[in-house]
Amino acid sequence: MTPQSLTLGYVPGGTPAKWARIWAERHPGVPLQLCAVDAADAADALRAGTVDVALLRPSGDMSGLALIPLYEETTVAVVPTDHLLSAVDEITAADLDGEPTLLPLDDAVAWAGAPGTPVDHRPETTKDAIELVAAGMGALIVPQSLARLYHRKDLTYRPITDAPTCPVALAFPEGPQSELVEEFIGIVRGRKAGSSRGQAQPAPKRTAREKTLAKQAARAAAGKVARKPGPTKRGRR
């Protein structure tokens, strides 16, 4: 039996709104359930069937999952608004040399050799790390979407121009997919409504004879229009 709904998981900072809107327009009778999942739990949620597809940042164990790369996020440094680095529009990794940095257990950047000096305490989550940045314990390197998600008036962020970007992907279990999952994958890949697996079938090529007959029919139709008598004017008596 075809499932009557589709569940889309998304990690903090994920933005599924665009695809949810398109889905609602094309399939108003099939609800798309949005399910927020912690970054560390996203892969397991897919394997367990808790969600059908997920918008996530690939990291850790992705075995058993198929991934469709979507886009790359800018990596930024979150600092207090009165921090020295807030005086410029963007920074480089070298600007963070010697700077205390926070590394949460759910680190989304996974930057080997990241600049700065990690503090001893590792907060559980990025959200917890944001609170510690506000307390003056150090800077935090995160994808830009997370800096926006956890925005505070006393904090700001600056792009790190030479930092690695943070990939975002659509993930789903490997193997044959349901029609609904295939349809959602098509939406994410930009397939048009009504197309077959996203590819409009090309019109079959006509033979030379068919082209000739079409031209003759068009000329004949044009001739009939040209010869069609117009309305007669009645003269005055």
C-alpha atoms as a PDB file:
ATOM      1  CA  MET A   1       0.000   0.000   0.000  1.00  0.00           C
ATOM      2  CA  THR A   2       1.383   3.403  -0.975  1.00  0.00           C
ATOM      3  CA  PRO A   3       2.126   5.521   2.120  1.00  0.00           C
ATOM      4  CA  GLN A   4      -0.114   8.557   2.517  1.00  0.00           C
ATOM      5  CA  SER A   5       2.554  10.908   3.829  1.00  0.00           C
ATOM      6  CA  LEU A   6       6.282  11.578   3.613  1.00  0.00           C
ATOM      7  CA  THR A   7       8.519  12.523   6.536  1.00  0.00           C
ATOM      8  CA  LEU A   8      11.428  14.880   5.927  1.00  0.00           C
ATOM      9  CA  GLY A   9      13.998  15.173   8.685  1.00  0.00           C
ATOM     10  CA  TYR A  10      16.269  18.202   8.907  1.00  0.00           C
ATOM     11  CA  VAL A  11      19.166  19.106  11.148  1.00  0.00           C
ATOM     12  CA  PRO A  12      19.528  22.469  12.945  1.00  0.00           C
ATOM     13  CA  GLY A  13      20.103  25.189  10.375  1.00  0.00           C
ATOM     14  CA  GLY A  14      18.554  23.126   7.590  1.00  0.00           C
ATOM     15  CA  THR A  15      16.077  24.996   5.417  1.00  0.00           C
ATOM     16  CA  PRO A  16      13.440  22.674   3.959  1.00  0.00           C
ATOM     17  CA  ALA A  17      10.813  25.397   3.410  1.00  0.00           C
ATOM     18  CA  LYS A  18      11.358  25.740  -0.349  1.00  0.00           C
ATOM     19  CA  TRP A  19      10.884  22.046  -1.048  1.00  0.00           C
ATOM     20  CA  ALA A  20       7.991  21.796   1.406  1.00  0.00           C
ATOM     21  CA  ARG A  21       6.208  24.588  -0.478  1.00  0.00           C
ATOM     22  CA  ILE A  22       6.727  22.919  -3.860  1.00  0.00           C
ATOM     23  CA  TRP A  23       5.561  19.579  -2.448  1.00  0.00           C
ATOM     24  CA  ALA A  24       2.382  21.172  -1.078  1.00  0.00           C
ATOM     25  CA  GLU A  25       1.655  22.745  -4.459  1.00  0.00           C
ATOM     26  CA  ARG A  26       2.104  19.490  -6.370  1.00  0.00           C
ATOM     27  CA  HIS A  27       0.712  17.029  -3.834  1.00  0.00           C
ATOM     28  CA  PRO A  28      -1.879  18.811  -1.692  1.00  0.00           C
ATOM     29  CA  GLY A  29      -3.416  15.477  -0.688  1.00  0.00           C
ATOM     30  CA  VAL A  30      -0.144  13.979   0.562  1.00  0.00           C
ATOM     31  CA  PRO A  31       1.180  15.684   3.703  1.00  0.00           C
ATOM     32  CA  LEU A  32       4.904  16.317   4.008  1.00  0.00           C
ATOM     33  CA  GLN A  33       5.760  15.928   7.678  1.00  0.00           C
ATOM     34  CA  LEU A  34       8.742  18.033   8.783  1.00  0.00           C
ATOM     35  CA  CYS A  35      10.756  16.506  11.610  1.00  0.00           C
ATOM     36  CA  ALA A  36      13.625  18.339  13.333  1.00  0.00           C
ATOM     37  CA  VAL A  37      16.418  15.928  14.234  1.00  0.00           C
ATOM     38  CA  ASP A  38      19.704  16.433  16.053  1.00  0.00           C
ATOM     39  CA  ALA A  39      22.703  16.312  13.742  1.00  0.00           C
ATOM     40  CA  ALA A  40      24.111  13.292  15.587  1.00  0.00           C
ATOM     41  CA  ASP A  41      20.841  11.371  15.208  1.00  0.00           C
ATOM     42  CA  ALA A  42      19.980  12.119  11.565  1.00  0.00           C
ATOM     43  CA  ALA A  43      21.659   9.073   9.996  1.00  0.00           C
ATOM     44  CA  ASP A  44      20.192   6.684  12.573  1.00  0.00           C
ATOM     45  CA  ALA A  45      16.739   8.202  12.070  1.00  0.00           C
ATOM     46  CA  LEU A  46      16.970   7.319   8.373  1.00  0.00           C
ATOM     47  CA  ARG A  47      18.162   3.777   9.039  1.00  0.00           C
ATOM     48  CA  ALA A  48      15.393   3.241  11.601  1.00  0.00           C
ATOM     49  CA  GLY A  49      12.724   4.594   9.268  1.00  0.00           C
ATOM     50  CA  THR A  50      11.791   7.424  11.634  1.00  0.00           C
ATOM     51  CA  VAL A  51      12.181   9.769   8.665  1.00  0.00           C
ATOM     52  CA  ASP A  52      12.008   8.905   4.961  1.00  0.00           C
ATOM     53  CA  VAL A  53      14.526  11.484   3.732  1.00  0.00           C
ATOM     54  CA  ALA A  54      16.727  13.950   5.570  1.00  0.00           C
ATOM     55  CA  LEU A  55      18.450  17.254   4.978  1.00  0.00           C
ATOM     56  CA  LEU A  56      21.787  16.927   6.771  1.00  0.00           C
ATOM     57  CA  ARG A  57      25.491  17.694   6.861  1.00  0.00           C
ATOM     58  CA  PRO A  58      27.344  14.472   6.024  1.00  0.00           C
ATOM     59  CA  SER A  59      29.617  13.451   8.876  1.00  0.00           C
ATOM     60  CA  GLY A  60      30.472  10.347  10.844  1.00  0.00           C
ATOM     61  CA  ASP A  61      28.978   7.029   9.775  1.00  0.00           C
ATOM     62  CA  MET A  62      26.936   7.442   6.583  1.00  0.00           C
ATOM     63  CA  SER A  63      26.934   3.726   5.711  1.00  0.00           C
ATOM     64  CA  GLY A  64      23.743   2.418   4.169  1.00  0.00           C
ATOM     65  CA  LEU A  65      22.695   5.865   3.004  1.00  0.00           C
ATOM     66  CA  ALA A  66      22.613   7.479  -0.421  1.00  0.00           C
ATOM     67  CA  LEU A  67      23.541  11.163  -0.608  1.00  0.00           C
ATOM     68  CA  ILE A  68      22.670  13.892  -3.095  1.00  0.00           C
ATOM     69  CA  PRO A  69      24.944  16.940  -2.594  1.00  0.00           C
ATOM     70  CA  LEU A  70      22.887  20.131  -2.481  1.00  0.00           C
ATOM     71  CA  TYR A  71      25.039  23.133  -1.602  1.00  0.00           C
ATOM     72  CA  GLU A  72      28.051  24.314   0.386  1.00  0.00           C
ATOM     73  CA  GLU A  73      27.677  26.555   3.410  1.00  0.00           C
ATOM     74  CA  THR A  74      30.053  29.350   4.306  1.00  0.00           C
ATOM     75  CA  THR A  75      32.042  28.750   7.489  1.00  0.00           C
ATOM     76  CA  VAL A  76      32.032  31.614   9.989  1.00  0.00           C
ATOM     77  CA  ALA A  77      33.428  32.525  13.396  1.00  0.00           C
ATOM     78  CA  VAL A  78      30.965  33.614  16.078  1.00  0.00           C
ATOM     79  CA  VAL A  79      32.328  36.226  18.505  1.00  0.00           C
ATOM     80  CA  PRO A  80      30.950  38.845  20.918  1.00  0.00           C
ATOM     81  CA  THR A  81      29.931  42.107  19.273  1.00  0.00           C
ATOM     82  CA  ASP A  82      32.711  43.948  21.117  1.00  0.00           C
ATOM     83  CA  HIS A  83      35.389  41.491  19.954  1.00  0.00           C
ATOM     84  CA  LEU A  84      38.331  42.814  17.929  1.00  0.00           C
ATOM     85  CA  LEU A  85      37.354  40.636  14.936  1.00  0.00           C
ATOM     86  CA  SER A  86      33.957  42.319  14.731  1.00  0.00           C
ATOM     87  CA  ALA A  87      35.668  45.433  13.347  1.00  0.00           C
ATOM     88  CA  VAL A  88      36.174  43.791   9.920  1.00  0.00           C
ATOM     89  CA  ASP A  89      33.730  42.285   7.412  1.00  0.00           C
ATOM     90  CA  GLU A  90      35.573  38.994   6.985  1.00  0.00           C
ATOM     91  CA  ILE A  91      38.580  37.218   8.451  1.00  0.00           C
ATOM     92  CA  THR A  92      41.126  34.527   7.621  1.00  0.00           C
ATOM     93  CA  ALA A  93      42.152  31.480   9.617  1.00  0.00           C
ATOM     94  CA  ALA A  94      45.320  33.296  10.672  1.00  0.00           C
ATOM     95  CA  ASP A  95      43.203  35.912  12.464  1.00  0.00           C
ATOM     96  CA  LEU A  96      42.099  33.176  14.878  1.00  0.00           C
ATOM     97  CA  ASP A  97      45.623  32.050  15.783  1.00  0.00           C
ATOM     98  CA  GLY A  98      45.932  31.985  19.550  1.00  0.00           C
ATOM     99  CA  GLU A  99      42.223  32.713  19.998  1.00  0.00           C
ATOM    100  CA  PRO A 100      40.404  30.457  22.502  1.00  0.00           C
ATOM    101  CA  THR A 101      37.865  28.422  20.535  1.00  0.00           C
ATOM    102  CA  LEU A 102      34.962  26.213  21.556  1.00  0.00           C
ATOM    103  CA  LEU A 103      34.505  22.779  20.007  1.00  0.00           C
ATOM    104  CA  PRO A 104      31.053  21.312  20.737  1.00  0.00           C
ATOM    105  CA  LEU A 105      30.503  17.563  20.613  1.00  0.00           C
ATOM    106  CA  ASP A 106      28.139  18.063  17.672  1.00  0.00           C
ATOM    107  CA  ASP A 107      30.726  20.087  15.735  1.00  0.00           C
ATOM    108  CA  ALA A 108      29.356  20.579  12.212  1.00  0.00           C
ATOM    109  CA  VAL A 109      32.526  21.817  10.504  1.00  0.00           C
ATOM    110  CA  ALA A 110      34.969  18.978  11.226  1.00  0.00           C
ATOM    111  CA  TRP A 111      37.900  21.181  10.230  1.00  0.00           C
ATOM    112  CA  ALA A 112      41.139  19.248  10.703  1.00  0.00           C
ATOM    113  CA  GLY A 113      43.793  21.642  11.933  1.00  0.00           C
ATOM    114  CA  ALA A 114      41.278  24.388  12.646  1.00  0.00           C
ATOM    115  CA  PRO A 115      42.842  27.637  13.904  1.00  0.00           C
ATOM    116  CA  GLY A 116      42.627  28.790  17.479  1.00  0.00           C
ATOM    117  CA  THR A 117      43.310  27.128  20.795  1.00  0.00           C
ATOM    118  CA  PRO A 118      40.477  24.806  21.864  1.00  0.00           C
ATOM    119  CA  VAL A 119      39.357  25.303  25.453  1.00  0.00           C
ATOM    120  CA  ASP A 120      39.357  22.220  27.666  1.00  0.00           C
ATOM    121  CA  HIS A 121      35.599  22.079  28.129  1.00  0.00           C
ATOM    122  CA  ARG A 122      33.615  20.693  25.189  1.00  0.00           C
ATOM    123  CA  PRO A 123      29.953  21.740  25.310  1.00  0.00           C
ATOM    124  CA  GLU A 124      27.348  19.137  24.366  1.00  0.00           C
ATOM    125  CA  THR A 125      25.773  21.116  21.531  1.00  0.00           C
ATOM    126  CA  THR A 126      26.407  24.095  19.286  1.00  0.00           C
ATOM    127  CA  LYS A 127      23.568  25.888  21.065  1.00  0.00           C
ATOM    128  CA  ASP A 128      25.382  25.396  24.381  1.00  0.00           C
ATOM    129  CA  ALA A 129      28.608  26.654  22.792  1.00  0.00           C
ATOM    130  CA  ILE A 130      26.848  29.837  21.681  1.00  0.00           C
ATOM    131  CA  GLU A 131      26.007  30.573  25.313  1.00  0.00           C
ATOM    132  CA  LEU A 132      29.670  30.158  26.228  1.00  0.00           C
ATOM    133  CA  VAL A 133      30.737  32.539  23.436  1.00  0.00           C
ATOM    134  CA  ALA A 134      28.414  35.113  24.943  1.00  0.00           C
ATOM    135  CA  ALA A 135      30.063  34.468  28.319  1.00  0.00           C
ATOM    136  CA  GLY A 136      33.443  35.340  26.801  1.00  0.00           C
ATOM    137  CA  MET A 137      34.953  31.845  26.875  1.00  0.00           C
ATOM    138  CA  GLY A 138      36.052  31.887  23.233  1.00  0.00           C
ATOM    139  CA  ALA A 139      35.074  32.007  19.565  1.00  0.00           C
ATOM    140  CA  LEU A 140      33.009  29.358  17.788  1.00  0.00           C
ATOM    141  CA  ILE A 141      33.516  28.115  14.211  1.00  0.00           C
ATOM    142  CA  VAL A 142      30.232  26.996  12.633  1.00  0.00           C
ATOM    143  CA  PRO A 143      28.319  26.904   9.338  1.00  0.00           C
ATOM    144  CA  GLN A 144      26.685  30.261   8.686  1.00  0.00           C
ATOM    145  CA  SER A 145      23.158  28.823   9.006  1.00  0.00           C
ATOM    146  CA  LEU A 146      23.833  27.840  12.622  1.00  0.00           C
ATOM    147  CA  ALA A 147      25.185  31.287  13.425  1.00  0.00           C
ATOM    148  CA  ARG A 148      21.933  32.704  12.086  1.00  0.00           C
ATOM    149  CA  LEU A 149      19.781  30.117  13.861  1.00  0.00           C
ATOM    150  CA  TYR A 150      21.281  30.901  17.277  1.00  0.00           C
ATOM    151  CA  HIS A 151      21.603  34.652  16.710  1.00  0.00           C
ATOM    152  CA  ARG A 152      21.877  36.851  19.774  1.00  0.00           C
ATOM    153  CA  LYS A 153      22.087  40.616  20.011  1.00  0.00           C
ATOM    154  CA  ASP A 154      25.352  40.412  21.921  1.00  0.00           C
ATOM    155  CA  LEU A 155      27.019  38.175  19.312  1.00  0.00           C
ATOM    156  CA  THR A 156      28.040  38.551  15.697  1.00  0.00           C
ATOM    157  CA  TYR A 157      29.814  36.399  13.127  1.00  0.00           C
ATOM    158  CA  ARG A 158      32.361  36.862  10.377  1.00  0.00           C
ATOM    159  CA  PRO A 159      33.037  34.658   7.306  1.00  0.00           C
ATOM    160  CA  ILE A 160      36.397  32.889   7.329  1.00  0.00           C
ATOM    161  CA  THR A 161      37.569  33.280   3.747  1.00  0.00           C
ATOM    162  CA  ASP A 162      40.026  30.383   3.662  1.00  0.00           C
ATOM    163  CA  ALA A 163      38.024  27.915   5.754  1.00  0.00           C
ATOM    164  CA  PRO A 164      36.580  24.732   4.247  1.00  0.00           C
ATOM    165  CA  THR A 165      32.914  24.992   3.367  1.00  0.00           C
ATOM    166  CA  CYS A 166      30.271  22.818   5.020  1.00  0.00           C
ATOM    167  CA  PRO A 167      28.413  20.534   2.590  1.00  0.00           C
ATOM    168  CA  VAL A 168      24.683  19.930   2.908  1.00  0.00           C
ATOM    169  CA  ALA A 169      23.050  16.896   1.310  1.00  0.00           C
ATOM    170  CA  LEU A 170      19.755  15.103   0.940  1.00  0.00           C
ATOM    171  CA  ALA A 171      20.073  11.605   2.376  1.00  0.00           C
ATOM    172  CA  PHE A 172      17.896   8.508   2.176  1.00  0.00           C
ATOM    173  CA  PRO A 173      18.436   4.764   2.645  1.00  0.00           C
ATOM    174  CA  GLU A 174      20.201   2.970  -0.196  1.00  0.00           C
ATOM    175  CA  GLY A 175      18.181   0.675  -2.441  1.00  0.00           C
ATOM    176  CA  PRO A 176      14.811   0.927  -4.200  1.00  0.00           C
ATOM    177  CA  GLN A 177      12.742   3.923  -3.135  1.00  0.00           C
ATOM    178  CA  SER A 178       9.013   4.448  -2.748  1.00  0.00           C
ATOM    179  CA  GLU A 179       7.184   6.576  -5.292  1.00  0.00           C
ATOM    180  CA  LEU A 180       6.900   9.396  -2.758  1.00  0.00           C
ATOM    181  CA  VAL A 181      10.625   9.414  -2.013  1.00  0.00           C
ATOM    182  CA  GLU A 182      11.392   9.355  -5.740  1.00  0.00           C
ATOM    183  CA  GLU A 183       9.020  12.275  -6.226  1.00  0.00           C
ATOM    184  CA  PHE A 184      10.692  14.278  -3.448  1.00  0.00           C
ATOM    185  CA  ILE A 185      14.130  13.535  -4.881  1.00  0.00           C
ATOM    186  CA  GLY A 186      12.839  14.851  -8.204  1.00  0.00           C
ATOM    187  CA  ILE A 187      11.655  18.078  -6.597  1.00  0.00           C
ATOM    188  CA  VAL A 188      15.033  18.600  -4.935  1.00  0.00           C
ATOM    189  CA  ARG A 189      16.770  17.987  -8.263  1.00  0.00           C
ATOM    190  CA  GLY A 190      14.549  20.558  -9.958  1.00  0.00           C
ATOM    191  CA  ARG A 191      12.297  18.308 -11.977  1.00  0.00           C
ATOM    192  CA  LYS A 192       9.255  20.038 -13.421  1.00  0.00           C
ATOM    193  CA  ALA A 193       5.755  19.059 -12.449  1.00  0.00           C
ATOM    194  CA  GLY A 194       4.286  16.358 -14.674  1.00  0.00           C
ATOM    195  CA  SER A 195       7.621  15.245 -16.101  1.00  0.00           C
ATOM    196  CA  SER A 196       8.620  11.595 -16.137  1.00  0.00           C
ATOM    197  CA  ARG A 197      11.362  11.270 -13.489  1.00  0.00           C
ATOM    198  CA  GLY A 198      12.055  14.920 -14.125  1.00  0.00           C
ATOM    199  CA  GLN A 199      12.745  14.603 -17.817  1.00  0.00           C
ATOM    200  CA  ALA A 200      10.164  15.799 -20.245  1.00  0.00           C
ATOM    201  CA  GLN A 201       9.908  13.267 -23.025  1.00  0.00           C
ATOM    202  CA  PRO A 202      11.160  14.774 -26.300  1.00  0.00           C
ATOM    203  CA  ALA A 203       8.670  14.935 -29.125  1.00  0.00           C
ATOM    204  CA  PRO A 204       9.308  12.195 -31.707  1.00  0.00           C
ATOM    205  CA  LYS A 205      11.065  13.408 -34.830  1.00  0.00           C
ATOM    206  CA  ARG A 206       8.837  13.683 -37.893  1.00  0.00           C
ATOM    207  CA  THR A 207       9.729  12.125 -41.197  1.00  0.00           C
ATOM    208  CA  ALA A 208      10.317  14.251 -44.290  1.00  0.00           C
ATOM    209  CA  ARG A 209       6.909  13.179 -45.649  1.00  0.00           C
ATOM    210  CA  GLU A 210       5.167  14.157 -42.410  1.00  0.00           C
ATOM    211  CA  LYS A 211       6.841  17.575 -42.517  1.00  0.00           C
ATOM    212  CA  THR A 212       5.741  18.075 -46.141  1.00  0.00           C
ATOM    213  CA  LEU A 213       2.146  17.103 -45.362  1.00  0.00           C
ATOM    214  CA  ALA A 214       2.135  19.455 -42.349  1.00  0.00           C
ATOM    215  CA  LYS A 215       3.332  22.347 -44.503  1.00  0.00           C
ATOM    216  CA  GLN A 216       0.704  21.599 -47.133  1.00  0.00           C
ATOM    217  CA  ALA A 217      -2.012  21.492 -44.489  1.00  0.00           C
ATOM    218  CA  ALA A 218      -0.825  24.809 -43.057  1.00  0.00           C
ATOM    219  CA  ARG A 219      -0.842  26.452 -46.514  1.00  0.00           C
ATOM    220  CA  ALA A 220      -4.297  25.089 -47.231  1.00  0.00           C
ATOM    221  CA  ALA A 221      -5.602  26.401 -43.945  1.00  0.00           C
ATOM    222  CA  ALA A 222      -4.058  29.808 -44.614  1.00  0.00           C
ATOM    223  CA  GLY A 223      -5.673  29.888 -48.068  1.00  0.00           C
ATOM    224  CA  LYS A 224      -9.102  29.181 -46.640  1.00  0.00           C
ATOM    225  CA  VAL A 225      -8.716  32.016 -44.182  1.00  0.00           C
ATOM    226  CA  ALA A 226      -7.615  34.375 -46.934  1.00  0.00           C
ATOM    227  CA  ARG A 227     -10.576  33.413 -49.167  1.00  0.00           C
ATOM    228  CA  LYS A 228     -13.143  33.580 -46.430  1.00  0.00           C
ATOM    229  CA  PRO A 229     -15.677  36.230 -47.497  1.00  0.00           C
ATOM    230  CA  GLY A 230     -16.112  39.135 -45.171  1.00  0.00           C
ATOM    231  CA  PRO A 231     -19.482  40.496 -44.061  1.00  0.00           C
ATOM    232  CA  THR A 232     -21.434  42.269 -46.824  1.00  0.00           C
ATOM    233  CA  LYS A 233     -22.487  45.841 -46.369  1.00  0.00           C
ATOM    234  CA  ARG A 234     -26.068  46.698 -47.077  1.00  0.00           C
ATOM    235  CA  GLY A 235     -26.520  49.838 -49.048  1.00  0.00           C
ATOM    236  CA  ARG A 236     -29.135  52.397 -48.109  1.00  0.00           C
ATOM    237  CA  ARG A 237     -32.414  52.240 -49.907  1.00  0.00           C
END
